[in-house]
PDB file of N, CA and C in Angstrom:
ATOM      1  N   MET A   1     163.355   2.270 159.333  1.00  0.00           N
ATOM      2  CA  MET A   1     162.184   2.495 158.529  1.00  0.00           C
ATOM      3  C   MET A   1     161.014   2.017 159.079  1.00  0.00           C
ATOM      4  N   LYS A   2     160.175   2.720 158.394  1.00  0.00           N
ATOM      5  CA  LYS A   2     158.570   2.143 159.257  1.00  0.00           C
ATOM      6  C   LYS A   2     157.620   1.701 157.818  1.00  0.00           C
ATOM      7  N   ILE A   3     157.539   0.605 158.285  1.00  0.00           N
ATOM      8  CA  ILE A   3     156.504  -0.604 157.249  1.00  0.00           C
ATOM      9  C   ILE A   3     155.440  -0.387 158.080  1.00  0.00           C
ATOM     10  N   SER A   4     154.321  -0.933 156.879  1.00  0.00           N
ATOM     11  CA  SER A   4     152.869  -1.251 157.991  1.00  0.00           C
ATOM     12  C   SER A   4     152.516  -2.480 157.426  1.00  0.00           C
ATOM     13  N   ILE A   5     152.140  -3.318 158.124  1.00  0.00           N
ATOM     14  CA  ILE A   5     151.374  -5.096 157.513  1.00  0.00           C
ATOM     15  C   ILE A   5     150.167  -4.710 158.281  1.00  0.00           C
ATOM     16  N   SER A   6     149.817  -5.623 157.174  1.00  0.00           N
ATOM     17  CA  SER A   6     148.596  -5.530 157.352  1.00  0.00           C
ATOM     18  C   SER A   6     148.245  -7.534 157.523  1.00  0.00           C
ATOM     19  N   VAL A   7     147.605  -8.536 158.490  1.00  0.00           N
ATOM     20  CA  VAL A   7     147.536  -9.890 158.289  1.00  0.00           C
ATOM     21  C   VAL A   7     145.785 -10.156 158.420  1.00  0.00           C
ATOM     22  N   PHE A   8     145.776 -10.701 157.398  1.00  0.00           N
ATOM     23  CA  PHE A   8     144.150 -11.340 157.635  1.00  0.00           C
ATOM     24  C   PHE A   8     143.599 -12.805 157.722  1.00  0.00           C
ATOM     25  N   GLY A   9     142.631 -13.286 158.148  1.00  0.00           N
ATOM     26  CA  GLY A   9     142.436 -14.230 158.432  1.00  0.00           C
ATOM     27  C   GLY A   9     142.779 -14.760 159.768  1.00  0.00           C
ATOM     28  N   THR A  10     142.888 -15.965 159.210  1.00  0.00           N
ATOM     29  CA  THR A  10     143.337 -16.846 160.680  1.00  0.00           C
ATOM     30  C   THR A  10     144.613 -16.615 161.566  1.00  0.00           C
ATOM     31  N   HIS A  11     145.609 -16.084 160.538  1.00  0.00           N
ATOM     32  CA  HIS A  11     146.812 -15.694 161.127  1.00  0.00           C
ATOM     33  C   HIS A  11     147.175 -14.738 161.921  1.00  0.00           C
ATOM     34  N   LYS A  12     146.035 -14.328 162.372  1.00  0.00           N
ATOM     35  CA  LYS A  12     146.776 -12.630 163.542  1.00  0.00           C
ATOM     36  C   LYS A  12     145.924 -13.380 164.850  1.00  0.00           C
ATOM     37  N   LYS A  13     146.498 -12.767 165.969  1.00  0.00           N
ATOM     38  CA  LYS A  13     146.125 -12.961 167.262  1.00  0.00           C
ATOM     39  C   LYS A  13     145.556 -11.609 168.000  1.00  0.00           C
ATOM     40  N   ILE A  14     146.142 -10.781 167.344  1.00  0.00           N
ATOM     41  CA  ILE A  14     145.613  -9.133 167.487  1.00  0.00           C
ATOM     42  C   ILE A  14     144.266  -8.926 166.704  1.00  0.00           C
ATOM     43  N   THR A  15     143.844  -7.935 167.578  1.00  0.00           N
ATOM     44  CA  THR A  15     142.772  -7.039 166.737  1.00  0.00           C
ATOM     45  C   THR A  15     142.908  -6.401 166.007  1.00  0.00           C
ATOM     46  N   GLU A  16     144.511  -5.317 165.744  1.00  0.00           N
ATOM     47  CA  GLU A  16     144.514  -4.304 164.765  1.00  0.00           C
ATOM     48  C   GLU A  16     144.715  -4.856 163.171  1.00  0.00           C
ATOM     49  N   ASN A  17     143.725  -4.385 162.423  1.00  0.00           N
ATOM     50  CA  ASN A  17     144.552  -5.259 161.288  1.00  0.00           C
ATOM     51  C   ASN A  17     145.685  -4.231 160.837  1.00  0.00           C
ATOM     52  N   LEU A  18     145.884  -3.638 160.985  1.00  0.00           N
ATOM     53  CA  LEU A  18     147.272  -2.638 160.391  1.00  0.00           C
ATOM     54  C   LEU A  18     148.574  -2.484 162.142  1.00  0.00           C
ATOM     55  N   ILE A  19     149.665  -3.255 161.710  1.00  0.00           N
ATOM     56  CA  ILE A  19     150.488  -2.826 162.334  1.00  0.00           C
ATOM     57  C   ILE A  19     151.725  -2.159 161.769  1.00  0.00           C
ATOM     58  N   HIS A  20     152.066  -0.946 162.493  1.00  0.00           N
ATOM     59  CA  HIS A  20     153.723  -0.411 161.766  1.00  0.00           C
ATOM     60  C   HIS A  20     154.448  -1.005 162.596  1.00  0.00           C
ATOM     61  N   MET A  21     155.582  -1.353 162.033  1.00  0.00           N
ATOM     62  CA  MET A  21     156.692  -1.994 162.307  1.00  0.00           C
ATOM     63  C   MET A  21     158.010  -0.946 161.942  1.00  0.00           C
ATOM     64  N   GLU A  22     158.808  -0.619 162.981  1.00  0.00           N
ATOM     65  CA  GLU A  22     160.627  -0.092 162.470  1.00  0.00           C
ATOM     66  C   GLU A  22     161.125  -1.219 162.220  1.00  0.00           C
ATOM     67  N   ILE A  23     161.838  -1.716 161.153  1.00  0.00           N
ATOM     68  CA  ILE A  23     162.949  -2.418 160.488  1.00  0.00           C
ATOM     69  C   ILE A  23     164.054  -1.945 159.955  1.00  0.00           C
ATOM     70  N   PRO A  24     164.982  -2.493 160.362  1.00  0.00           N
ATOM     71  CA  PRO A  24     166.359  -2.035 159.655  1.00  0.00           C
ATOM     72  C   PRO A  24     166.473  -1.819 158.109  1.00  0.00           C
ATOM     73  N   GLU A  25     167.426  -1.181 157.556  1.00  0.00           N
ATOM     74  CA  GLU A  25     167.036  -1.165 156.134  1.00  0.00           C
ATOM     75  C   GLU A  25     167.739  -1.791 155.175  1.00  0.00           C
ATOM     76  N   GLN A  26     167.637  -1.860 154.139  1.00  0.00           N
ATOM     77  CA  GLN A  26     167.602  -3.232 153.253  1.00  0.00           C
ATOM     78  C   GLN A  26     166.932  -4.723 154.079  1.00  0.00           C
ATOM     79  N   SER A  27     165.783  -4.320 155.053  1.00  0.00           N
ATOM     80  CA  SER A  27     165.238  -6.080 155.271  1.00  0.00           C
ATOM     81  C   SER A  27     164.255  -6.213 153.638  1.00  0.00           C
ATOM     82  N   SER A  28     163.898  -7.526 153.974  1.00  0.00           N
ATOM     83  CA  SER A  28     163.328  -8.290 152.948  1.00  0.00           C
ATOM     84  C   SER A  28     162.190  -8.448 153.409  1.00  0.00           C
ATOM     85  N   VAL A  29     160.804  -8.649 152.436  1.00  0.00           N
ATOM     86  CA  VAL A  29     159.674  -8.831 152.751  1.00  0.00           C
ATOM     87  C   VAL A  29     159.612 -10.186 153.629  1.00  0.00           C
ATOM     88  N   LYS A  30     160.444 -11.407 153.236  1.00  0.00           N
ATOM     89  CA  LYS A  30     160.956 -12.498 154.023  1.00  0.00           C
ATOM     90  C   LYS A  30     161.157 -12.200 155.438  1.00  0.00           C
ATOM     91  N   GLY A  31     162.232 -11.231 155.989  1.00  0.00           N
ATOM     92  CA  GLY A  31     162.441 -11.389 157.098  1.00  0.00           C
ATOM     93  C   GLY A  31     161.711 -10.202 157.599  1.00  0.00           C
ATOM     94  N   LEU A  32     160.504  -9.506 157.151  1.00  0.00           N
ATOM     95  CA  LEU A  32     159.564  -8.615 157.683  1.00  0.00           C
ATOM     96  C   LEU A  32     158.498  -9.573 157.880  1.00  0.00           C
ATOM     97  N   ILE A  33     157.926 -10.309 157.460  1.00  0.00           N
ATOM     98  CA  ILE A  33     156.903 -11.507 157.688  1.00  0.00           C
ATOM     99  C   ILE A  33     157.600 -12.364 158.734  1.00  0.00           C
ATOM    100  N   THR A  34     158.710 -13.127 158.915  1.00  0.00           N
ATOM    101  CA  THR A  34     159.410 -13.568 159.851  1.00  0.00           C
ATOM    102  C   THR A  34     159.571 -13.066 161.156  1.00  0.00           C
ATOM    103  N   GLU A  35     159.749 -11.918 161.230  1.00  0.00           N
ATOM    104  CA  GLU A  35     159.653 -11.265 162.390  1.00  0.00           C
ATOM    105  C   GLU A  35     158.511 -10.820 162.858  1.00  0.00           C
ATOM    106  N   PHE A  36     157.295 -10.330 162.232  1.00  0.00           N
ATOM    107  CA  PHE A  36     156.141 -10.367 162.419  1.00  0.00           C
ATOM    108  C   PHE A  36     155.271 -11.873 163.109  1.00  0.00           C
ATOM    109  N   ALA A  37     156.191 -12.669 162.455  1.00  0.00           N
ATOM    110  CA  ALA A  37     155.029 -14.014 162.322  1.00  0.00           C
ATOM    111  C   ALA A  37     155.416 -14.271 164.223  1.00  0.00           C
ATOM    112  N   PHE A  38     156.080 -13.864 164.415  1.00  0.00           N
ATOM    113  CA  PHE A  38     156.730 -14.435 165.730  1.00  0.00           C
ATOM    114  C   PHE A  38     156.799 -13.346 166.983  1.00  0.00           C
ATOM    115  N   THR A  39     156.446 -12.534 166.493  1.00  0.00           N
ATOM    116  CA  THR A  39     155.992 -11.346 167.456  1.00  0.00           C
ATOM    117  C   THR A  39     154.697 -10.904 167.672  1.00  0.00           C
ATOM    118  N   HIS A  40     153.801 -10.977 166.482  1.00  0.00           N
ATOM    119  CA  HIS A  40     152.226 -11.314 166.877  1.00  0.00           C
ATOM    120  C   HIS A  40     151.601 -12.437 166.049  1.00  0.00           C
ATOM    121  N   LEU A  41     151.659 -13.509 165.537  1.00  0.00           N
ATOM    122  CA  LEU A  41     150.778 -14.363 165.279  1.00  0.00           C
ATOM    123  C   LEU A  41     150.831 -15.247 166.282  1.00  0.00           C
ATOM    124  N   ALA A  42     149.172 -15.726 166.509  1.00  0.00           N
ATOM    125  CA  ALA A  42     149.386 -16.946 167.618  1.00  0.00           C
ATOM    126  C   ALA A  42     149.981 -18.291 167.291  1.00  0.00           C
ATOM    127  N   ASP A  43     150.106 -18.523 165.736  1.00  0.00           N
ATOM    128  CA  ASP A  43     150.902 -20.090 165.769  1.00  0.00           C
ATOM    129  C   ASP A  43     151.687 -19.263 164.135  1.00  0.00           C
ATOM    130  N   PRO A  44     152.865 -19.240 164.254  1.00  0.00           N
ATOM    131  CA  PRO A  44     153.768 -19.074 163.340  1.00  0.00           C
ATOM    132  C   PRO A  44     154.178 -20.201 162.304  1.00  0.00           C
ATOM    133  N   ASP A  45     153.653 -20.936 162.770  1.00  0.00           N
ATOM    134  CA  ASP A  45     154.100 -22.425 162.006  1.00  0.00           C
ATOM    135  C   ASP A  45     152.912 -22.223 160.915  1.00  0.00           C
ATOM    136  N   LEU A  46     152.001 -21.273 160.816  1.00  0.00           N
ATOM    137  CA  LEU A  46     150.800 -21.021 159.660  1.00  0.00           C
ATOM    138  C   LEU A  46     151.679 -20.062 158.828  1.00  0.00           C
ATOM    139  N   VAL A  47     152.623 -19.497 158.527  1.00  0.00           N
ATOM    140  CA  VAL A  47     153.283 -18.914 157.550  1.00  0.00           C
ATOM    141  C   VAL A  47     154.421 -19.268 157.672  1.00  0.00           C
ATOM    142  N   ILE A  48     154.939 -20.223 158.640  1.00  0.00           N
ATOM    143  CA  ILE A  48     156.709 -20.348 158.289  1.00  0.00           C
ATOM    144  C   ILE A  48     156.769 -22.028 158.218  1.00  0.00           C
ATOM    145  N   ASP A  49     157.472 -22.311 157.498  1.00  0.00           N
ATOM    146  CA  ASP A  49     157.433 -23.802 157.220  1.00  0.00           C
ATOM    147  C   ASP A  49     158.972 -24.091 158.611  1.00  0.00           C
ATOM    148  N   LYS A  50     159.328 -25.498 158.233  1.00  0.00           N
ATOM    149  CA  LYS A  50     160.271 -26.256 159.490  1.00  0.00           C
ATOM    150  C   LYS A  50     161.244 -25.310 159.043  1.00  0.00           C
ATOM    151  N   GLU A  51     161.728 -25.095 157.551  1.00  0.00           N
ATOM    152  CA  GLU A  51     163.445 -24.745 157.055  1.00  0.00           C
ATOM    153  C   GLU A  51     163.415 -23.458 157.234  1.00  0.00           C
ATOM    154  N   GLY A  52     162.359 -22.706 158.130  1.00  0.00           N
ATOM    155  CA  GLY A  52     162.061 -21.250 157.986  1.00  0.00           C
ATOM    156  C   GLY A  52     162.013 -20.488 157.170  1.00  0.00           C
ATOM    157  N   ASN A  53     161.424 -20.823 156.057  1.00  0.00           N
ATOM    158  CA  ASN A  53     160.775 -20.314 154.323  1.00  0.00           C
ATOM    159  C   ASN A  53     159.413 -19.895 155.009  1.00  0.00           C
ATOM    160  N   LEU A  54     159.405 -19.075 154.234  1.00  0.00           N
ATOM    161  CA  LEU A  54     157.458 -18.724 154.150  1.00  0.00           C
ATOM    162  C   LEU A  54     156.752 -19.561 153.497  1.00  0.00           C
ATOM    163  N   LYS A  55     155.491 -19.849 153.557  1.00  0.00           N
ATOM    164  CA  LYS A  55     154.964 -20.965 153.106  1.00  0.00           C
ATOM    165  C   LYS A  55     154.614 -20.451 151.600  1.00  0.00           C
ATOM    166  N   ARG A  56     154.426 -21.744 150.757  1.00  0.00           N
ATOM    167  CA  ARG A  56     153.865 -21.087 149.596  1.00  0.00           C
ATOM    168  C   ARG A  56     152.469 -20.723 149.479  1.00  0.00           C
ATOM    169  N   HIS A  57     151.916 -21.073 150.411  1.00  0.00           N
ATOM    170  CA  HIS A  57     150.112 -20.482 149.930  1.00  0.00           C
ATOM    171  C   HIS A  57     150.071 -19.375 150.370  1.00  0.00           C
ATOM    172  N   LEU A  58     150.954 -18.320 151.009  1.00  0.00           N
ATOM    173  CA  LEU A  58     150.350 -17.261 151.131  1.00  0.00           C
ATOM    174  C   LEU A  58     150.124 -16.487 150.102  1.00  0.00           C
ATOM    175  N   ILE A  59     149.279 -15.239 150.226  1.00  0.00           N
ATOM    176  CA  ILE A  59     149.088 -14.458 149.704  1.00  0.00           C
ATOM    177  C   ILE A  59     149.812 -13.197 149.923  1.00  0.00           C
ATOM    178  N   ILE A  60     150.910 -12.793 149.285  1.00  0.00           N
ATOM    179  CA  ILE A  60     151.555 -11.604 150.469  1.00  0.00           C
ATOM    180  C   ILE A  60     151.831 -10.348 148.748  1.00  0.00           C
ATOM    181  N   GLN A  61     151.439  -9.109 149.494  1.00  0.00           N
ATOM    182  CA  GLN A  61     151.183  -8.015 148.176  1.00  0.00           C
ATOM    183  C   GLN A  61     152.090  -6.758 149.387  1.00  0.00           C
ATOM    184  N   VAL A  62     152.800  -6.097 148.218  1.00  0.00           N
ATOM    185  CA  VAL A  62     153.662  -5.289 148.655  1.00  0.00           C
ATOM    186  C   VAL A  62     152.884  -3.842 148.048  1.00  0.00           C
ATOM    187  N   ASN A  63     152.268  -2.880 148.769  1.00  0.00           N
ATOM    188  CA  ASN A  63     151.976  -1.461 148.022  1.00  0.00           C
ATOM    189  C   ASN A  63     151.021  -2.197 146.871  1.00  0.00           C
ATOM    190  N   LYS A  64     150.089  -3.100 146.987  1.00  0.00           N
ATOM    191  CA  LYS A  64     149.181  -3.853 145.993  1.00  0.00           C
ATOM    192  C   LYS A  64     149.924  -4.689 145.359  1.00  0.00           C
ATOM    193  N   LYS A  65     150.806  -4.964 144.975  1.00  0.00           N
ATOM    194  CA  LYS A  65     151.621  -5.547 143.835  1.00  0.00           C
ATOM    195  C   LYS A  65     151.999  -7.137 145.043  1.00  0.00           C
ATOM    196  N   ARG A  66     151.979  -8.062 143.743  1.00  0.00           N
ATOM    197  CA  ARG A  66     152.033  -9.547 144.467  1.00  0.00           C
ATOM    198  C   ARG A  66     153.145  -9.870 144.305  1.00  0.00           C
ATOM    199  N   VAL A  67     153.894 -10.071 145.392  1.00  0.00           N
ATOM    200  CA  VAL A  67     154.853 -11.193 145.819  1.00  0.00           C
ATOM    201  C   VAL A  67     154.934 -12.606 146.171  1.00  0.00           C
ATOM    202  N   ILE A  68     155.556 -13.218 144.953  1.00  0.00           N
ATOM    203  CA  ILE A  68     155.662 -14.812 145.558  1.00  0.00           C
ATOM    204  C   ILE A  68     156.364 -15.071 146.579  1.00  0.00           C
ATOM    205  N   PRO A  69     155.979 -16.167 147.528  1.00  0.00           N
ATOM    206  CA  PRO A  69     156.658 -16.387 148.942  1.00  0.00           C
ATOM    207  C   PRO A  69     157.885 -17.043 148.323  1.00  0.00           C
ATOM    208  N   GLY A  70     158.653 -17.542 147.306  1.00  0.00           N
ATOM    209  CA  GLY A  70     159.847 -18.089 147.276  1.00  0.00           C
ATOM    210  C   GLY A  70     160.441 -16.896 146.741  1.00  0.00           C
ATOM    211  N   LYS A  71     160.056 -15.762 146.345  1.00  0.00           N
ATOM    212  CA  LYS A  71     160.963 -14.464 145.909  1.00  0.00           C
ATOM    213  C   LYS A  71     161.191 -13.525 147.089  1.00  0.00           C
ATOM    214  N   ALA A  72     160.365 -13.845 148.042  1.00  0.00           N
ATOM    215  CA  ALA A  72     160.540 -12.604 149.131  1.00  0.00           C
ATOM    216  C   ALA A  72     161.654 -12.367 149.720  1.00  0.00           C
ATOM    217  N   ALA A  73     162.354 -13.169 149.710  1.00  0.00           N
ATOM    218  CA  ALA A  73     163.669 -12.812 150.290  1.00  0.00           C
ATOM    219  C   ALA A  73     164.727 -11.814 149.225  1.00  0.00           C
ATOM    220  N   ASP A  74     164.290 -11.552 148.174  1.00  0.00           N
ATOM    221  CA  ASP A  74     165.241 -11.247 147.190  1.00  0.00           C
ATOM    222  C   ASP A  74     163.986  -9.492 147.159  1.00  0.00           C
ATOM    223  N   PHE A  75     163.154  -9.386 147.404  1.00  0.00           N
ATOM    224  CA  PHE A  75     162.120  -8.249 147.362  1.00  0.00           C
ATOM    225  C   PHE A  75     162.395  -6.922 148.959  1.00  0.00           C
ATOM    226  N   ILE A  76     163.196  -6.214 148.320  1.00  0.00           N
ATOM    227  CA  ILE A  76     163.759  -5.766 149.433  1.00  0.00           C
ATOM    228  C   ILE A  76     162.609  -4.259 149.626  1.00  0.00           C
ATOM    229  N   LEU A  77     162.725  -4.211 151.275  1.00  0.00           N
ATOM    230  CA  LEU A  77     161.384  -3.448 151.241  1.00  0.00           C
ATOM    231  C   LEU A  77     161.853  -1.636 151.287  1.00  0.00           C
ATOM    232  N   LYS A  78     161.255  -0.693 151.149  1.00  0.00           N
ATOM    233  CA  LYS A  78     161.734   0.611 151.076  1.00  0.00           C
ATOM    234  C   LYS A  78     160.299   1.274 152.205  1.00  0.00           C
ATOM    235  N   ASP A  79     160.932   2.228 153.074  1.00  0.00           N
ATOM    236  CA  ASP A  79     160.299   3.023 154.066  1.00  0.00           C
ATOM    237  C   ASP A  79     158.977   3.671 153.442  1.00  0.00           C
ATOM    238  N   GLY A  80     158.202   3.039 154.193  1.00  0.00           N
ATOM    239  CA  GLY A  80     156.718   3.554 153.731  1.00  0.00           C
ATOM    240  C   GLY A  80     155.984   2.084 153.243  1.00  0.00           C
ATOM    241  N   ASP A  81     156.715   1.061 152.956  1.00  0.00           N
ATOM    242  CA  ASP A  81     155.986   0.411 151.829  1.00  0.00           C
ATOM    243  C   ASP A  81     154.750  -0.134 153.110  1.00  0.00           C
ATOM    244  N   GLU A  82     153.751  -0.511 152.287  1.00  0.00           N
ATOM    245  CA  GLU A  82     152.250  -1.377 152.851  1.00  0.00           C
ATOM    246  C   GLU A  82     152.832  -2.993 152.685  1.00  0.00           C
ATOM    247  N   VAL A  83     153.064  -3.665 153.456  1.00  0.00           N
ATOM    248  CA  VAL A  83     152.704  -5.722 153.220  1.00  0.00           C
ATOM    249  C   VAL A  83     151.388  -5.549 153.677  1.00  0.00           C
ATOM    250  N   THR A  84     150.685  -6.454 152.785  1.00  0.00           N
ATOM    251  CA  THR A  84     149.390  -7.081 152.976  1.00  0.00           C
ATOM    252  C   THR A  84     150.016  -8.848 153.010  1.00  0.00           C
ATOM    253  N   VAL A  85     149.253  -9.650 154.364  1.00  0.00           N
ATOM    254  CA  VAL A  85     149.241 -10.992 154.245  1.00  0.00           C
ATOM    255  C   VAL A  85     147.936 -11.655 153.697  1.00  0.00           C
ATOM    256  N   TYR A  86     147.516 -12.347 153.111  1.00  0.00           N
ATOM    257  CA  TYR A  86     146.349 -13.081 153.335  1.00  0.00           C
ATOM    258  C   TYR A  86     146.654 -14.471 152.714  1.00  0.00           C
ATOM    259  N   PRO A  87     145.961 -15.308 153.897  1.00  0.00           N
ATOM    260  CA  PRO A  87     145.854 -16.804 153.814  1.00  0.00           C
ATOM    261  C   PRO A  87     145.417 -17.619 152.391  1.00  0.00           C
ATOM    262  N   SER A  88     145.933 -18.396 151.952  1.00  0.00           N
ATOM    263  CA  SER A  88     145.037 -19.025 150.529  1.00  0.00           C
ATOM    264  C   SER A  88     143.630 -19.204 150.904  1.00  0.00           C
ATOM    265  N   VAL A  89     142.881 -18.761 149.977  1.00  0.00           N
ATOM    266  CA  VAL A  89     141.391 -19.230 149.941  1.00  0.00           C
ATOM    267  C   VAL A  89     141.274 -20.839 149.534  1.00  0.00           C
ATOM    268  N   SER A  90     140.603 -21.420 150.055  1.00  0.00           N
ATOM    269  CA  SER A  90     140.065 -22.921 149.238  1.00  0.00           C
ATOM    270  C   SER A  90     138.520 -23.082 149.950  1.00  0.00           C
ATOM    271  N   GLY A  91     138.039 -24.178 149.698  1.00  0.00           N
ATOM    272  CA  GLY A  91     136.822 -24.574 150.059  1.00  0.00           C
ATOM    273  C   GLY A  91     135.935 -25.015 149.161  1.00  0.00           C
ATOM    274  N   GLY A  92     134.642 -25.709 149.278  1.00  0.00           N
ATOM    275  CA  GLY A  92     133.865 -26.310 148.405  1.00  0.00           C
ATOM    276  C   GLY A  92     132.179 -26.018 148.835  1.00  0.00           C
TER     277      GLY A  92
END
């Protein structure tokens, strides 16, 4: 199935803001972001921790609805879904 993923901020090494990926049926948000991190990001450690989990600071949306990183393994994607990943915002 085909999924669109957008990653913003320092998490990307590619110039395109939108990538289309083919993934197996019943793939989770966690699986998609993990695969994307290791194939497209300059530093996968920015989004994946040492245990292989998505880092809690990520802001993830599927079709503009928020997905908590700790629940991303349970969120199964459907063909045509649009996934967006933002870094957390901080500063002063």
